[in-house]
């Protein structure tokens, strides 16, 4: 599953939210993810800015307020996604947001890294019975264990994403090793949530067997917003989706290196046979300086056997560039 996250890249504009859906429809993503914020339910005037990027919002609360859409607007966004054969996803940040998403009929839940300890909201989500995807960005294994132990009794389908909460994430922060550790520890589908601002981390994760991919998307990395530098563009998204699918196809079709029968004709075409590089008389004893290798590989003695002909006597005259065969020399 490949998830393009819009988050707040729409900057509170309903038109921009719909524009992202249209732009991403042809890129190869499977789902588009937003974030559902209800300011009064999730925040307060005391919440500090993670990044002081906004000159129009005096507090973080004001920013969340500006990111809100009405239930009807969210329903329109979901319907638009489905018209484009894309699954609508949105991460809730309050019980009120869960209720809103239930009202419009979301199919599954993506839990942001900062909400894994919010058991109050997690219980509300778990009781819906729907699949849950969790990002592990700010959690230790001990904290993840607690969340898994809390959710398991509800019976939801669970999956987890390796994630590093850094914007943008540098290569030494990607944590690709954690993918295998998560698979071994929890025995659930494992994926990768990226904030690197480029396509390489997800491609690397694909080669390591990730099954779910999530990354932030913007129209232009210079645009306004807290996640722009940690996002990729629409054009990069298309390249990334193609790369992920090719890597997954490769992993499903392992090559048996000991079986090279399919290359038989090519091995003849590109193979080399021994030839002589000058006119040589009958009775001449061959030296290394007399030999050349020429295509194809089925015209006589293989070039790999050159040592076996050194010192052998010619049974006949050979012209320059003639292939050397076993009949031309004694006791090959």
Protein backbone atom coordinates (compact mmCIF):
# COMPACT_ATOMS: atom_id res chain seq x y z
CA UNK A 1 0.00 0.00 0.00
CA UNK A 2 1.43 3.35 -1.08
CA UNK A 3 0.07 6.33 0.83
CA UNK A 4 0.60 9.95 -0.21
CA UNK A 5 0.14 12.17 2.81
CA UNK A 6 -1.24 15.66 2.22
CA UNK A 7 -1.54 16.41 5.93
CA UNK A 8 -1.80 20.22 6.12
CA UNK A 9 -0.19 20.94 2.74
CA UNK A 10 -3.59 22.25 1.62
CA UNK A 11 -3.09 25.07 4.19
CA UNK A 12 -6.76 25.08 5.09
CA UNK A 13 -7.93 25.54 1.50
CA UNK A 14 -10.65 23.14 0.40
CA UNK A 15 -9.78 23.89 -3.21
CA UNK A 16 -6.15 22.92 -2.63
CA UNK A 17 -7.23 19.69 -0.93
CA UNK A 18 -9.21 18.68 -4.00
CA UNK A 19 -6.41 19.81 -6.32
CA UNK A 20 -4.04 17.40 -4.58
CA UNK A 21 -6.46 14.53 -5.20
CA UNK A 22 -6.60 15.29 -8.93
CA UNK A 23 -2.83 15.67 -9.17
CA UNK A 24 -2.04 12.44 -7.34
CA UNK A 25 -4.61 10.32 -9.16
CA UNK A 26 -2.22 9.38 -11.97
CA UNK A 27 0.93 8.82 -9.94
CA UNK A 28 0.42 5.22 -8.80
CA UNK A 29 -0.45 5.82 -5.14
CA UNK A 30 -3.14 3.66 -3.55
CA UNK A 31 -4.38 6.11 -0.94
CA UNK A 32 -4.30 9.78 0.01
CA UNK A 33 -4.02 10.66 3.66
CA UNK A 34 -5.08 13.85 5.36
CA UNK A 35 -5.13 14.82 9.04
CA UNK A 36 -8.40 15.57 10.79
CA UNK A 37 -7.97 18.37 13.33
CA UNK A 38 -10.69 19.71 15.59
CA UNK A 39 -8.88 22.47 17.45
CA UNK A 40 -11.09 22.69 20.54
CA UNK A 41 -10.92 18.93 21.09
CA UNK A 42 -7.19 18.37 20.57
CA UNK A 43 -5.35 21.58 21.42
CA UNK A 44 -5.20 24.71 23.52
CA UNK A 45 -3.57 28.11 23.50
CA UNK A 46 -0.71 26.62 25.52
CA UNK A 47 0.47 24.30 22.70
CA UNK A 48 3.84 25.50 21.33
CA UNK A 49 4.71 25.57 17.64
CA UNK A 50 6.83 22.64 16.47
CA UNK A 51 8.23 24.91 13.78
CA UNK A 52 7.53 28.64 13.91
CA UNK A 53 6.71 28.91 10.22
CA UNK A 54 3.47 30.89 10.28
CA UNK A 55 3.10 34.65 10.41
CA UNK A 56 -0.68 34.45 10.15
CA UNK A 57 -1.36 32.15 13.12
CA UNK A 58 -0.56 33.65 16.50
CA UNK A 59 -0.80 30.25 18.25
CA UNK A 60 -0.64 26.62 17.26
CA UNK A 61 -4.30 26.38 18.26
CA UNK A 62 -5.14 29.05 15.68
CA UNK A 63 -3.28 27.05 13.06
CA UNK A 64 -5.26 23.89 13.82
CA UNK A 65 -8.45 25.90 13.72
CA UNK A 66 -7.56 27.09 10.25
CA UNK A 67 -6.93 23.48 9.13
CA UNK A 68 -10.47 22.35 9.94
CA UNK A 69 -13.07 21.26 7.40
CA UNK A 70 -16.75 20.63 8.07
CA UNK A 71 -18.15 17.08 8.02
CA UNK A 72 -19.75 17.78 4.64
CA UNK A 73 -16.44 19.03 3.27
CA UNK A 74 -14.65 15.94 4.55
CA UNK A 75 -17.32 13.79 2.93
CA UNK A 76 -16.72 15.61 -0.35
CA UNK A 77 -12.98 14.99 -0.05
CA UNK A 78 -13.56 11.28 0.62
CA UNK A 79 -15.98 10.99 -2.30
CA UNK A 80 -13.49 12.72 -4.59
CA UNK A 81 -10.77 10.23 -3.58
CA UNK A 82 -13.05 7.31 -4.33
CA UNK A 83 -14.01 8.79 -7.70
CA UNK A 84 -10.30 8.64 -8.53
CA UNK A 85 -10.03 5.02 -7.28
CA UNK A 86 -7.98 6.14 -4.29
CA UNK A 87 -8.63 5.20 -0.68
CA UNK A 88 -9.30 8.13 1.61
CA UNK A 89 -7.30 8.09 4.83
CA UNK A 90 -7.02 10.62 7.61
CA UNK A 91 -5.23 10.56 10.94
CA UNK A 92 -7.41 11.71 13.85
CA UNK A 93 -6.01 13.63 16.81
CA UNK A 94 -9.02 13.52 19.15
CA UNK A 95 -12.04 11.42 19.95
CA UNK A 96 -14.12 14.06 18.21
CA UNK A 97 -12.07 13.54 15.04
CA UNK A 98 -12.61 9.77 15.28
CA UNK A 99 -16.35 10.36 15.51
CA UNK A 100 -16.22 12.62 12.44
CA UNK A 101 -14.28 10.04 10.44
CA UNK A 102 -16.73 7.34 11.47
CA UNK A 103 -19.56 9.57 10.31
CA UNK A 104 -18.11 9.82 6.80
CA UNK A 105 -17.15 6.12 6.68
CA UNK A 106 -13.36 5.86 6.73
CA UNK A 107 -12.13 2.30 6.01
CA UNK A 108 -9.09 2.22 8.29
CA UNK A 109 -7.13 4.39 10.68
CA UNK A 110 -3.59 5.71 10.50
CA UNK A 111 -2.23 6.71 13.91
CA UNK A 112 0.45 9.38 14.00
CA UNK A 113 3.61 8.87 16.04
CA UNK A 114 2.54 11.31 18.74
CA UNK A 115 -0.74 9.50 19.39
CA UNK A 116 0.52 6.00 20.21
CA UNK A 117 0.26 6.76 23.92
CA UNK A 118 -3.22 8.25 23.59
CA UNK A 119 -5.02 5.14 24.81
CA UNK A 120 -8.24 7.09 25.27
CA UNK A 121 -8.44 7.73 21.52
CA UNK A 122 -6.96 4.34 20.61
CA UNK A 123 -9.76 2.55 22.44
CA UNK A 124 -12.32 4.56 20.53
CA UNK A 125 -10.63 3.60 17.27
CA UNK A 126 -10.14 -0.04 18.26
CA UNK A 127 -13.83 -0.44 19.07
CA UNK A 128 -14.68 0.36 15.43
CA UNK A 129 -13.08 -2.97 14.50
CA UNK A 130 -11.27 -1.36 11.57
CA UNK A 131 -7.62 -1.92 10.58
CA UNK A 132 -5.05 0.28 12.30
CA UNK A 133 -1.72 1.46 10.88
CA UNK A 134 0.66 2.91 13.46
CA UNK A 135 3.73 5.10 13.01
CA UNK A 136 6.48 4.37 15.51
CA UNK A 137 8.46 7.61 15.20
CA UNK A 138 8.61 8.80 18.79
CA UNK A 139 8.24 5.43 20.52
CA UNK A 140 10.75 3.07 22.07
CA UNK A 141 10.17 -0.68 21.82
CA UNK A 142 8.95 -0.63 25.40
CA UNK A 143 6.33 1.98 24.50
CA UNK A 144 5.37 0.10 21.34
CA UNK A 145 4.93 -3.08 23.34
CA UNK A 146 2.49 -1.30 25.64
CA UNK A 147 0.47 -0.01 22.70
CA UNK A 148 0.38 -3.44 21.04
CA UNK A 149 -0.61 -5.11 24.28
CA UNK A 150 -3.37 -2.54 24.72
CA UNK A 151 -4.76 -2.99 21.19
CA UNK A 152 -4.43 -6.75 20.74
CA UNK A 153 -7.50 -7.75 22.79
CA UNK A 154 -9.74 -5.67 20.52
CA UNK A 155 -8.84 -7.88 17.53
CA UNK A 156 -8.17 -5.18 14.96
CA UNK A 157 -5.83 -5.88 12.07
CA UNK A 158 -2.60 -4.11 13.05
CA UNK A 159 0.40 -2.90 11.08
CA UNK A 160 3.31 -0.67 11.99
CA UNK A 161 5.58 1.75 10.17
CA UNK A 162 9.19 2.50 10.93
CA UNK A 163 9.36 6.26 11.21
CA UNK A 164 11.84 8.83 12.46
CA UNK A 165 10.32 12.05 13.74
CA UNK A 166 12.72 14.53 12.16
CA UNK A 167 11.91 17.02 9.41
CA UNK A 168 13.61 16.38 7.07
CA UNK A 169 15.10 13.04 8.10
CA UNK A 170 18.77 12.62 7.24
CA UNK A 171 20.14 9.27 5.96
CA UNK A 172 21.77 8.46 9.30
CA UNK A 173 18.32 8.83 10.87
CA UNK A 174 16.31 6.62 8.48
CA UNK A 175 16.51 3.56 10.74
CA UNK A 176 16.20 1.01 7.97
CA UNK A 177 17.47 -1.68 10.35
CA UNK A 178 14.30 -1.27 12.41
CA UNK A 179 12.16 -2.71 9.59
CA UNK A 180 13.46 -6.23 10.20
CA UNK A 181 13.33 -5.71 13.97
CA UNK A 182 9.65 -4.74 13.80
CA UNK A 183 8.83 -7.78 11.65
CA UNK A 184 10.61 -10.10 14.07
CA UNK A 185 9.10 -8.53 17.19
CA UNK A 186 5.45 -8.07 16.22
CA UNK A 187 4.75 -10.45 13.29
CA UNK A 188 2.48 -7.96 11.55
CA UNK A 189 2.77 -6.13 8.21
CA UNK A 190 5.56 -3.56 8.46
CA UNK A 191 6.13 -0.44 6.40
CA UNK A 192 8.01 2.83 6.28
CA UNK A 193 6.80 6.37 6.95
CA UNK A 194 9.19 8.87 5.41
CA UNK A 195 10.06 12.48 6.19
CA UNK A 196 13.32 12.67 4.23
CA UNK A 197 12.05 14.92 1.45
CA UNK A 198 13.33 12.59 -1.28
CA UNK A 199 12.54 9.19 -2.80
CA UNK A 200 15.57 7.20 -1.68
CA UNK A 201 14.49 6.14 1.80
CA UNK A 202 11.26 4.52 0.59
CA UNK A 203 13.09 2.77 -2.25
CA UNK A 204 15.59 1.38 0.25
CA UNK A 205 12.72 0.30 2.51
CA UNK A 206 11.09 -1.47 -0.42
CA UNK A 207 14.25 -3.47 -1.02
CA UNK A 208 14.13 -4.55 2.63
CA UNK A 209 10.60 -5.90 2.35
CA UNK A 210 8.42 -3.02 3.51
CA UNK A 211 4.78 -3.57 2.61
CA UNK A 212 3.36 -0.10 3.35
CA UNK A 213 4.83 3.24 2.31
CA UNK A 214 3.84 6.71 3.48
CA UNK A 215 5.40 10.04 2.55
CA UNK A 216 4.42 13.71 2.52
CA UNK A 217 3.58 15.34 -0.81
CA UNK A 218 3.51 18.99 -1.88
CA UNK A 219 3.13 20.75 -5.21
CA UNK A 220 6.39 22.61 -4.65
CA UNK A 221 8.87 22.24 -1.80
CA UNK A 222 9.10 26.03 -1.56
CA UNK A 223 5.45 26.33 -0.61
CA UNK A 224 4.24 27.51 2.80
CA UNK A 225 3.83 24.92 5.56
CA UNK A 226 5.60 23.00 8.32
CA UNK A 227 6.25 19.84 6.28
CA UNK A 228 7.29 21.24 2.88
CA UNK A 229 11.02 20.55 3.26
CA UNK A 230 10.25 16.98 4.38
CA UNK A 231 7.94 16.29 1.42
CA UNK A 232 8.33 15.17 -2.17
CA UNK A 233 6.64 16.64 -5.22
CA UNK A 234 3.91 15.19 -7.43
CA UNK A 235 6.45 14.33 -10.14
CA UNK A 236 8.72 12.62 -7.62
CA UNK A 237 5.73 10.66 -6.36
CA UNK A 238 5.21 9.10 -9.79
CA UNK A 239 8.86 8.06 -9.99
CA UNK A 240 8.78 6.68 -6.45
CA UNK A 241 5.63 4.61 -7.03
CA UNK A 242 7.12 3.10 -10.17
CA UNK A 243 10.33 2.29 -8.32
CA UNK A 244 8.56 0.67 -5.38
CA UNK A 245 6.47 -1.55 -7.65
CA UNK A 246 9.49 -2.62 -9.70
CA UNK A 247 11.45 -3.50 -6.56
CA UNK A 248 8.51 -5.46 -5.15
CA UNK A 249 8.17 -7.34 -8.44
CA UNK A 250 11.88 -8.15 -8.32
CA UNK A 251 11.61 -9.48 -4.77
CA UNK A 252 8.72 -11.74 -5.79
CA UNK A 253 10.81 -13.24 -8.60
CA UNK A 254 14.16 -14.37 -7.18
CA UNK A 255 16.82 -15.45 -9.66
CA UNK A 256 18.39 -18.92 -9.30
CA UNK A 257 21.98 -18.08 -10.12
CA UNK A 258 22.93 -21.74 -10.67
CA UNK A 259 20.40 -22.02 -13.50
CA UNK A 260 21.66 -20.11 -16.53
CA UNK A 261 20.13 -22.29 -19.24
CA UNK A 262 18.20 -19.32 -20.57
CA UNK A 263 21.49 -17.72 -21.57
CA UNK A 264 22.71 -20.60 -23.75
CA UNK A 265 22.35 -18.74 -27.04
CA UNK A 266 23.77 -15.52 -25.62
CA UNK A 267 26.73 -17.39 -24.15
CA UNK A 268 27.56 -18.62 -27.66
CA UNK A 269 26.99 -15.18 -29.18
CA UNK A 270 29.19 -13.37 -26.68
CA UNK A 271 31.55 -16.25 -26.03
CA UNK A 272 35.08 -16.46 -27.47
CA UNK A 273 36.91 -19.23 -29.34
CA UNK A 274 40.65 -19.49 -29.83
CA UNK A 275 42.17 -18.22 -33.07
CA UNK A 276 45.69 -17.57 -34.32
CA UNK A 277 46.91 -14.02 -34.89
CA UNK A 278 49.41 -14.77 -37.67
CA UNK A 279 50.15 -17.26 -40.43
CA UNK A 280 51.55 -20.41 -38.84
CA UNK A 281 53.14 -23.39 -40.59
CA UNK A 282 52.40 -27.04 -39.98
CA UNK A 283 54.69 -28.33 -37.22
CA UNK A 284 54.78 -24.99 -35.36
CA UNK A 285 54.64 -25.26 -31.59
CA UNK A 286 52.02 -22.84 -30.28
CA UNK A 287 52.95 -20.05 -27.88
CA UNK A 288 50.83 -17.55 -25.99
CA UNK A 289 51.85 -14.84 -28.47
CA UNK A 290 50.26 -16.84 -31.32
CA UNK A 291 46.75 -16.71 -29.88
CA UNK A 292 43.70 -14.45 -30.04
CA UNK A 293 40.10 -14.94 -28.89
CA UNK A 294 37.21 -14.30 -31.30
CA UNK A 295 33.45 -14.51 -31.32
CA UNK A 296 31.36 -16.65 -31.41
CA UNK A 297 32.06 -19.19 -28.73
CA UNK A 298 31.26 -22.34 -30.71
CA UNK A 299 33.88 -22.24 -33.47
CA UNK A 300 36.48 -24.46 -31.90
CA UNK A 301 38.50 -24.56 -28.72
CA UNK A 302 37.04 -22.31 -25.98
CA UNK A 303 39.19 -19.33 -25.02
CA UNK A 304 39.02 -20.55 -21.42
CA UNK A 305 41.16 -23.57 -22.48
CA UNK A 306 44.04 -21.52 -23.89
CA UNK A 307 46.58 -22.97 -21.45
CA UNK A 308 45.91 -26.48 -22.77
CA UNK A 309 47.09 -25.61 -26.28
CA UNK A 310 50.36 -23.89 -25.33
CA UNK A 311 53.30 -26.04 -26.60
CA UNK A 312 51.09 -28.18 -28.86
CA UNK A 313 52.25 -28.83 -32.46
CA UNK A 314 50.11 -27.78 -35.43
CA UNK A 315 48.94 -30.55 -37.77
CA UNK A 316 48.41 -28.14 -40.66
CA UNK A 317 49.06 -24.60 -41.88
CA UNK A 318 46.78 -21.91 -40.39
CA UNK A 319 46.11 -18.51 -41.85
CA UNK A 320 45.96 -15.35 -39.76
CA UNK A 321 42.71 -15.19 -37.76
CA UNK A 322 41.78 -18.83 -38.42
CA UNK A 323 39.91 -20.47 -35.54
CA UNK A 324 41.89 -23.16 -33.74
CA UNK A 325 40.17 -26.55 -33.47
CA UNK A 326 41.12 -29.79 -31.78
CA UNK A 327 41.84 -31.31 -35.21
CA UNK A 328 44.50 -28.65 -35.84
CA UNK A 329 46.80 -29.72 -33.02
CA UNK A 330 48.11 -32.91 -31.53
CA UNK A 331 46.74 -34.38 -28.31
CA UNK A 332 44.33 -31.60 -27.17
